Amino acid sequence: MLPGFLLPETTVQSSGSGEPVEIGPGGGTALLSLGISEVVEQQSLDVDVLGSANGEEWLAKPLKSFPQKFYTGVWQLLCDLDADADVRYLKVSYKVARWGVGSPTPKFKFYVFAERFES
């Protein structure tokens, strides 16, 4: 149910995804917040929010994608939950990459929070 974390603050060193979160019926618009609290230089983070009717089979196209990030900060996007009326679950999928000198292992500490947006 919203409001809640789609992905609690987590430290990642490889690409992956969070657990499905049931948002319940109601559609509307969600305000998504991506917060990055720790990074190392010369790396990138791509975050997508996926939708599902049953929490097991996910739509081929993300409901929303944050622009690629490189630094700490907080960013927000609006997500139209009415775009697919069957969506009852959301899940965060993320990809990390690192380049340059030093360790080839990326490291990000970040979260994604969602809440219903009332205009």
N, C-alpha and C. Protein backbone atom coordinates (compact mmCIF):
# COMPACT_ATOMS: atom_id res chain seq x y z
N MET A 1 0.84 -1.18 0.00
CA MET A 1 0.00 0.00 0.00
C MET A 1 0.89 1.24 0.00
N LEU A 2 0.37 2.27 -0.57
CA LEU A 2 1.10 3.54 -0.60
C LEU A 2 0.55 4.46 0.48
N PRO A 3 1.37 5.27 1.13
CA PRO A 3 2.80 5.49 0.87
C PRO A 3 3.65 4.37 1.45
N GLY A 4 4.83 4.22 0.83
CA GLY A 4 5.76 3.22 1.32
C GLY A 4 6.99 3.12 0.43
N PHE A 5 7.98 2.39 0.92
CA PHE A 5 9.20 2.18 0.16
C PHE A 5 8.99 1.10 -0.89
N LEU A 6 9.31 1.40 -2.14
CA LEU A 6 9.36 0.38 -3.17
C LEU A 6 10.69 -0.37 -3.04
N LEU A 7 11.70 0.34 -2.54
CA LEU A 7 13.00 -0.26 -2.24
C LEU A 7 13.55 0.50 -1.04
N PRO A 8 13.64 -0.16 0.14
CA PRO A 8 14.22 0.51 1.30
C PRO A 8 15.68 0.86 1.01
N GLU A 9 16.25 1.78 1.79
CA GLU A 9 17.64 2.16 1.54
C GLU A 9 18.53 0.91 1.55
N THR A 10 19.23 0.73 0.45
CA THR A 10 19.99 -0.49 0.19
C THR A 10 21.33 -0.13 -0.42
N THR A 11 22.37 -0.87 -0.05
CA THR A 11 23.67 -0.71 -0.70
C THR A 11 23.81 -1.82 -1.73
N VAL A 12 24.09 -1.44 -2.98
CA VAL A 12 24.21 -2.42 -4.06
C VAL A 12 25.57 -2.29 -4.73
N GLN A 13 26.07 -3.43 -5.22
CA GLN A 13 27.32 -3.46 -5.96
C GLN A 13 27.15 -4.15 -7.31
N SER A 14 25.91 -4.57 -7.59
CA SER A 14 25.60 -5.18 -8.88
C SER A 14 24.15 -4.88 -9.22
N SER A 15 23.81 -5.09 -10.48
CA SER A 15 22.45 -4.84 -10.95
C SER A 15 21.49 -5.84 -10.31
N GLY A 16 20.21 -5.45 -10.21
CA GLY A 16 19.23 -6.34 -9.61
C GLY A 16 17.86 -5.71 -9.54
N SER A 17 17.04 -6.20 -8.62
CA SER A 17 15.69 -5.65 -8.43
C SER A 17 15.25 -5.87 -7.01
N GLY A 18 14.25 -5.10 -6.61
CA GLY A 18 13.67 -5.22 -5.29
C GLY A 18 12.53 -6.22 -5.30
N GLU A 19 11.90 -6.36 -4.16
CA GLU A 19 10.75 -7.25 -4.01
C GLU A 19 9.49 -6.55 -4.51
N PRO A 20 8.50 -7.30 -5.00
CA PRO A 20 7.23 -6.70 -5.41
C PRO A 20 6.54 -6.05 -4.20
N VAL A 21 5.91 -4.90 -4.43
CA VAL A 21 5.17 -4.19 -3.39
C VAL A 21 3.74 -4.02 -3.87
N GLU A 22 2.78 -4.51 -3.08
CA GLU A 22 1.38 -4.37 -3.44
C GLU A 22 0.93 -2.94 -3.18
N ILE A 23 0.35 -2.31 -4.20
CA ILE A 23 -0.12 -0.93 -4.05
C ILE A 23 -1.62 -0.86 -3.90
N GLY A 24 -2.30 -1.98 -4.17
CA GLY A 24 -3.75 -2.02 -4.03
C GLY A 24 -4.45 -1.31 -5.16
N PRO A 25 -5.77 -1.32 -5.13
CA PRO A 25 -6.55 -0.67 -6.18
C PRO A 25 -6.55 0.84 -6.01
N GLY A 26 -7.03 1.51 -7.01
CA GLY A 26 -7.20 2.95 -6.87
C GLY A 26 -6.57 3.77 -7.96
N GLY A 27 -5.56 3.23 -8.62
CA GLY A 27 -4.93 3.97 -9.71
C GLY A 27 -4.46 5.33 -9.25
N GLY A 28 -4.74 6.33 -10.07
CA GLY A 28 -4.32 7.69 -9.76
C GLY A 28 -2.89 7.95 -10.18
N THR A 29 -2.25 8.84 -9.45
CA THR A 29 -0.88 9.23 -9.74
C THR A 29 -0.03 9.01 -8.50
N ALA A 30 1.17 8.50 -8.71
CA ALA A 30 2.12 8.30 -7.61
C ALA A 30 3.30 9.24 -7.78
N LEU A 31 3.76 9.77 -6.67
CA LEU A 31 4.99 10.57 -6.65
C LEU A 31 6.11 9.62 -6.23
N LEU A 32 7.06 9.41 -7.12
CA LEU A 32 8.20 8.52 -6.87
C LEU A 32 9.42 9.35 -6.49
N SER A 33 10.09 8.97 -5.42
CA SER A 33 11.29 9.67 -4.97
C SER A 33 12.47 8.70 -4.96
N LEU A 34 13.51 9.05 -5.68
CA LEU A 34 14.77 8.30 -5.69
C LEU A 34 15.77 9.09 -4.88
N GLY A 35 16.29 8.48 -3.83
CA GLY A 35 17.30 9.13 -3.00
C GLY A 35 18.59 8.33 -3.03
N ILE A 36 19.70 9.00 -3.36
CA ILE A 36 21.02 8.36 -3.37
C ILE A 36 21.85 9.03 -2.29
N SER A 37 22.32 8.22 -1.32
CA SER A 37 23.06 8.79 -0.20
C SER A 37 24.56 8.50 -0.23
N GLU A 38 24.97 7.47 -0.99
CA GLU A 38 26.40 7.17 -1.10
C GLU A 38 26.73 6.71 -2.51
N VAL A 39 27.87 7.18 -3.02
CA VAL A 39 28.36 6.76 -4.33
C VAL A 39 29.88 6.75 -4.30
N VAL A 40 30.47 6.08 -5.29
CA VAL A 40 31.90 6.24 -5.57
C VAL A 40 31.98 6.90 -6.94
N GLU A 41 33.11 7.52 -7.25
CA GLU A 41 33.21 8.25 -8.51
C GLU A 41 33.24 7.30 -9.71
N GLN A 42 32.92 7.83 -10.84
CA GLN A 42 32.96 7.14 -12.13
C GLN A 42 32.06 5.89 -12.16
N GLN A 43 30.79 6.11 -11.83
CA GLN A 43 29.81 5.04 -11.91
C GLN A 43 28.45 5.63 -12.25
N SER A 44 27.53 4.75 -12.67
CA SER A 44 26.18 5.20 -13.03
C SER A 44 25.13 4.26 -12.47
N LEU A 45 23.92 4.81 -12.28
CA LEU A 45 22.79 4.06 -11.76
C LEU A 45 21.58 4.35 -12.63
N ASP A 46 20.94 3.30 -13.12
CA ASP A 46 19.69 3.41 -13.88
C ASP A 46 18.60 2.72 -13.06
N VAL A 47 17.47 3.40 -12.83
CA VAL A 47 16.39 2.86 -12.01
C VAL A 47 15.09 2.90 -12.80
N ASP A 48 14.42 1.73 -12.88
CA ASP A 48 13.11 1.61 -13.52
C ASP A 48 12.10 1.15 -12.48
N VAL A 49 10.84 1.58 -12.65
CA VAL A 49 9.73 1.10 -11.82
C VAL A 49 8.83 0.27 -12.73
N LEU A 50 8.69 -1.01 -12.38
CA LEU A 50 7.92 -1.96 -13.18
C LEU A 50 6.55 -2.18 -12.56
N GLY A 51 5.57 -2.53 -13.40
CA GLY A 51 4.22 -2.79 -12.93
C GLY A 51 3.78 -4.21 -13.24
N SER A 52 2.87 -4.74 -12.40
CA SER A 52 2.36 -6.10 -12.57
C SER A 52 0.95 -6.20 -12.02
N ALA A 53 0.17 -7.07 -12.61
CA ALA A 53 -1.18 -7.33 -12.11
C ALA A 53 -1.15 -8.35 -10.97
N ASN A 54 -0.18 -9.27 -11.00
CA ASN A 54 -0.18 -10.36 -10.03
C ASN A 54 1.10 -10.47 -9.19
N GLY A 55 2.08 -9.61 -9.43
CA GLY A 55 3.34 -9.66 -8.67
C GLY A 55 4.33 -10.69 -9.17
N GLU A 56 3.98 -11.37 -10.28
CA GLU A 56 4.89 -12.38 -10.83
C GLU A 56 5.26 -12.10 -12.28
N GLU A 57 4.29 -11.70 -13.08
CA GLU A 57 4.53 -11.37 -14.49
C GLU A 57 4.53 -9.86 -14.62
N TRP A 58 5.63 -9.30 -15.17
CA TRP A 58 5.83 -7.86 -15.21
C TRP A 58 5.63 -7.33 -16.62
N LEU A 59 5.08 -6.13 -16.72
CA LEU A 59 4.89 -5.49 -18.02
C LEU A 59 6.24 -5.38 -18.72
N ALA A 60 6.23 -5.50 -20.04
CA ALA A 60 7.48 -5.46 -20.81
C ALA A 60 8.17 -4.10 -20.72
N LYS A 61 7.39 -3.05 -20.62
CA LYS A 61 7.93 -1.69 -20.58
C LYS A 61 7.76 -1.12 -19.16
N PRO A 62 8.81 -0.47 -18.61
CA PRO A 62 8.67 0.13 -17.28
C PRO A 62 7.56 1.17 -17.25
N LEU A 63 6.91 1.30 -16.08
CA LEU A 63 5.91 2.37 -15.91
C LEU A 63 6.61 3.73 -15.90
N LYS A 64 7.81 3.76 -15.29
CA LYS A 64 8.57 5.00 -15.21
C LYS A 64 10.04 4.67 -15.07
N SER A 65 10.89 5.51 -15.65
CA SER A 65 12.35 5.35 -15.54
C SER A 65 12.94 6.68 -15.10
N PHE A 66 13.79 6.64 -14.10
CA PHE A 66 14.53 7.83 -13.70
C PHE A 66 15.67 8.03 -14.69
N PRO A 67 16.00 9.28 -15.01
CA PRO A 67 17.19 9.52 -15.84
C PRO A 67 18.43 8.97 -15.11
N GLN A 68 19.42 8.54 -15.89
CA GLN A 68 20.64 7.97 -15.33
C GLN A 68 21.26 8.92 -14.32
N LYS A 69 21.72 8.36 -13.18
CA LYS A 69 22.29 9.17 -12.10
C LYS A 69 23.74 8.80 -11.84
N PHE A 70 24.50 9.81 -11.37
CA PHE A 70 25.92 9.65 -11.09
C PHE A 70 26.30 10.15 -9.70
N TYR A 71 25.44 10.93 -9.06
CA TYR A 71 25.77 11.64 -7.82
C TYR A 71 24.71 11.44 -6.75
N THR A 72 25.03 11.87 -5.52
CA THR A 72 24.05 11.82 -4.44
C THR A 72 22.99 12.91 -4.66
N GLY A 73 21.81 12.70 -4.07
CA GLY A 73 20.73 13.67 -4.17
C GLY A 73 19.39 12.96 -4.11
N VAL A 74 18.32 13.75 -4.25
CA VAL A 74 16.96 13.22 -4.27
C VAL A 74 16.26 13.77 -5.51
N TRP A 75 15.59 12.88 -6.26
CA TRP A 75 14.89 13.26 -7.47
C TRP A 75 13.47 12.70 -7.40
N GLN A 76 12.52 13.42 -7.99
CA GLN A 76 11.13 12.97 -7.97
C GLN A 76 10.54 12.95 -9.37
N LEU A 77 9.65 11.96 -9.59
CA LEU A 77 8.92 11.82 -10.84
C LEU A 77 7.47 11.48 -10.51
N LEU A 78 6.56 11.92 -11.38
CA LEU A 78 5.16 11.50 -11.27
C LEU A 78 4.96 10.28 -12.15
N CYS A 79 4.18 9.32 -11.65
CA CYS A 79 3.90 8.08 -12.37
C CYS A 79 2.40 7.89 -12.46
N ASP A 80 1.89 7.79 -13.68
CA ASP A 80 0.46 7.61 -13.92
C ASP A 80 0.11 6.14 -13.71
N LEU A 81 -0.53 5.84 -12.59
CA LEU A 81 -0.91 4.46 -12.28
C LEU A 81 -2.15 4.03 -13.06
N ASP A 82 -2.83 4.96 -13.73
CA ASP A 82 -3.99 4.64 -14.55
C ASP A 82 -3.58 4.22 -15.96
N ALA A 83 -2.29 4.32 -16.29
CA ALA A 83 -1.83 3.96 -17.64
C ALA A 83 -2.13 2.50 -17.95
N ASP A 84 -2.10 1.65 -16.95
CA ASP A 84 -2.50 0.25 -17.09
C ASP A 84 -3.36 -0.09 -15.88
N ALA A 85 -4.66 -0.21 -16.08
CA ALA A 85 -5.62 -0.37 -14.99
C ALA A 85 -5.41 -1.65 -14.19
N ASP A 86 -4.71 -2.64 -14.73
CA ASP A 86 -4.52 -3.91 -14.04
C ASP A 86 -3.36 -3.90 -13.05
N VAL A 87 -2.55 -2.86 -13.03
CA VAL A 87 -1.37 -2.83 -12.18
C VAL A 87 -1.78 -2.76 -10.71
N ARG A 88 -1.32 -3.76 -9.94
CA ARG A 88 -1.58 -3.83 -8.50
C ARG A 88 -0.28 -3.96 -7.71
N TYR A 89 0.83 -4.19 -8.43
CA TYR A 89 2.14 -4.35 -7.80
C TYR A 89 3.16 -3.49 -8.53
N LEU A 90 4.13 -2.98 -7.77
CA LEU A 90 5.26 -2.25 -8.33
C LEU A 90 6.55 -2.91 -7.85
N LYS A 91 7.58 -2.78 -8.64
CA LYS A 91 8.90 -3.32 -8.30
C LYS A 91 9.96 -2.42 -8.91
N VAL A 92 11.06 -2.23 -8.19
CA VAL A 92 12.19 -1.44 -8.67
C VAL A 92 13.21 -2.38 -9.30
N SER A 93 13.67 -2.01 -10.49
CA SER A 93 14.76 -2.71 -11.17
C SER A 93 15.88 -1.70 -11.36
N TYR A 94 17.13 -2.10 -11.13
CA TYR A 94 18.24 -1.16 -11.24
C TYR A 94 19.44 -1.80 -11.93
N LYS A 95 20.20 -0.93 -12.62
CA LYS A 95 21.43 -1.36 -13.28
C LYS A 95 22.54 -0.42 -12.83
N VAL A 96 23.68 -0.99 -12.47
CA VAL A 96 24.83 -0.20 -12.07
C VAL A 96 26.00 -0.48 -13.00
N ALA A 97 26.85 0.52 -13.21
CA ALA A 97 28.04 0.37 -14.05
C ALA A 97 29.16 1.22 -13.47
N ARG A 98 30.39 0.79 -13.68
CA ARG A 98 31.56 1.53 -13.19
C ARG A 98 32.63 1.49 -14.26
N TRP A 99 33.39 2.57 -14.36
CA TRP A 99 34.47 2.67 -15.34
C TRP A 99 35.63 3.45 -14.71
N GLY A 100 36.73 3.55 -15.41
CA GLY A 100 37.86 4.35 -14.93
C GLY A 100 38.83 3.55 -14.09
N VAL A 101 39.59 4.26 -13.26
CA VAL A 101 40.64 3.63 -12.44
C VAL A 101 40.06 3.11 -11.13
N GLY A 102 40.84 2.28 -10.45
CA GLY A 102 40.41 1.75 -9.16
C GLY A 102 39.60 0.47 -9.32
N SER A 103 38.88 0.14 -8.29
CA SER A 103 38.08 -1.08 -8.27
C SER A 103 37.00 -1.03 -9.35
N PRO A 104 36.79 -2.13 -10.08
CA PRO A 104 35.75 -2.15 -11.11
C PRO A 104 34.34 -2.35 -10.54
N THR A 105 34.24 -2.55 -9.21
CA THR A 105 32.95 -2.81 -8.58
C THR A 105 32.24 -1.50 -8.23
N PRO A 106 31.02 -1.29 -8.76
CA PRO A 106 30.27 -0.09 -8.40
C PRO A 106 29.71 -0.21 -6.98
N LYS A 107 29.33 0.92 -6.39
CA LYS A 107 28.69 0.92 -5.08
C LYS A 107 27.77 2.13 -4.98
N PHE A 108 26.49 1.84 -4.79
CA PHE A 108 25.47 2.87 -4.57
C PHE A 108 24.67 2.51 -3.33
N LYS A 109 24.31 3.50 -2.55
CA LYS A 109 23.35 3.34 -1.45
C LYS A 109 22.18 4.24 -1.80
N PHE A 110 20.99 3.63 -2.00
CA PHE A 110 19.85 4.41 -2.46
C PHE A 110 18.53 3.78 -2.03
N TYR A 111 17.45 4.54 -2.21
CA TYR A 111 16.10 4.07 -1.92
C TYR A 111 15.14 4.61 -2.96
N VAL A 112 13.95 3.99 -3.05
CA VAL A 112 12.85 4.52 -3.87
C VAL A 112 11.60 4.49 -3.00
N PHE A 113 10.96 5.65 -2.85
CA PHE A 113 9.75 5.80 -2.04
C PHE A 113 8.61 6.22 -2.96
N ALA A 114 7.41 5.73 -2.68
CA ALA A 114 6.24 6.09 -3.51
C ALA A 114 5.10 6.51 -2.61
N GLU A 115 4.36 7.51 -3.05
CA GLU A 115 3.17 7.96 -2.34
C GLU A 115 2.15 8.46 -3.36
N ARG A 116 0.88 8.36 -3.02
CA ARG A 116 -0.17 8.86 -3.92
C ARG A 116 -0.05 10.38 -4.01
N PHE A 117 -0.21 10.87 -5.20
CA PHE A 117 -0.10 12.31 -5.45
C PHE A 117 -1.49 12.89 -5.63
N GLU A 118 -1.81 13.86 -4.83
CA GLU A 118 -3.11 14.54 -4.92
C GLU A 118 -2.87 15.92 -5.51
N SER A 119 -3.53 16.21 -6.62
CA SER A 119 -3.33 17.53 -7.24
C SER A 119 -4.31 18.55 -6.72
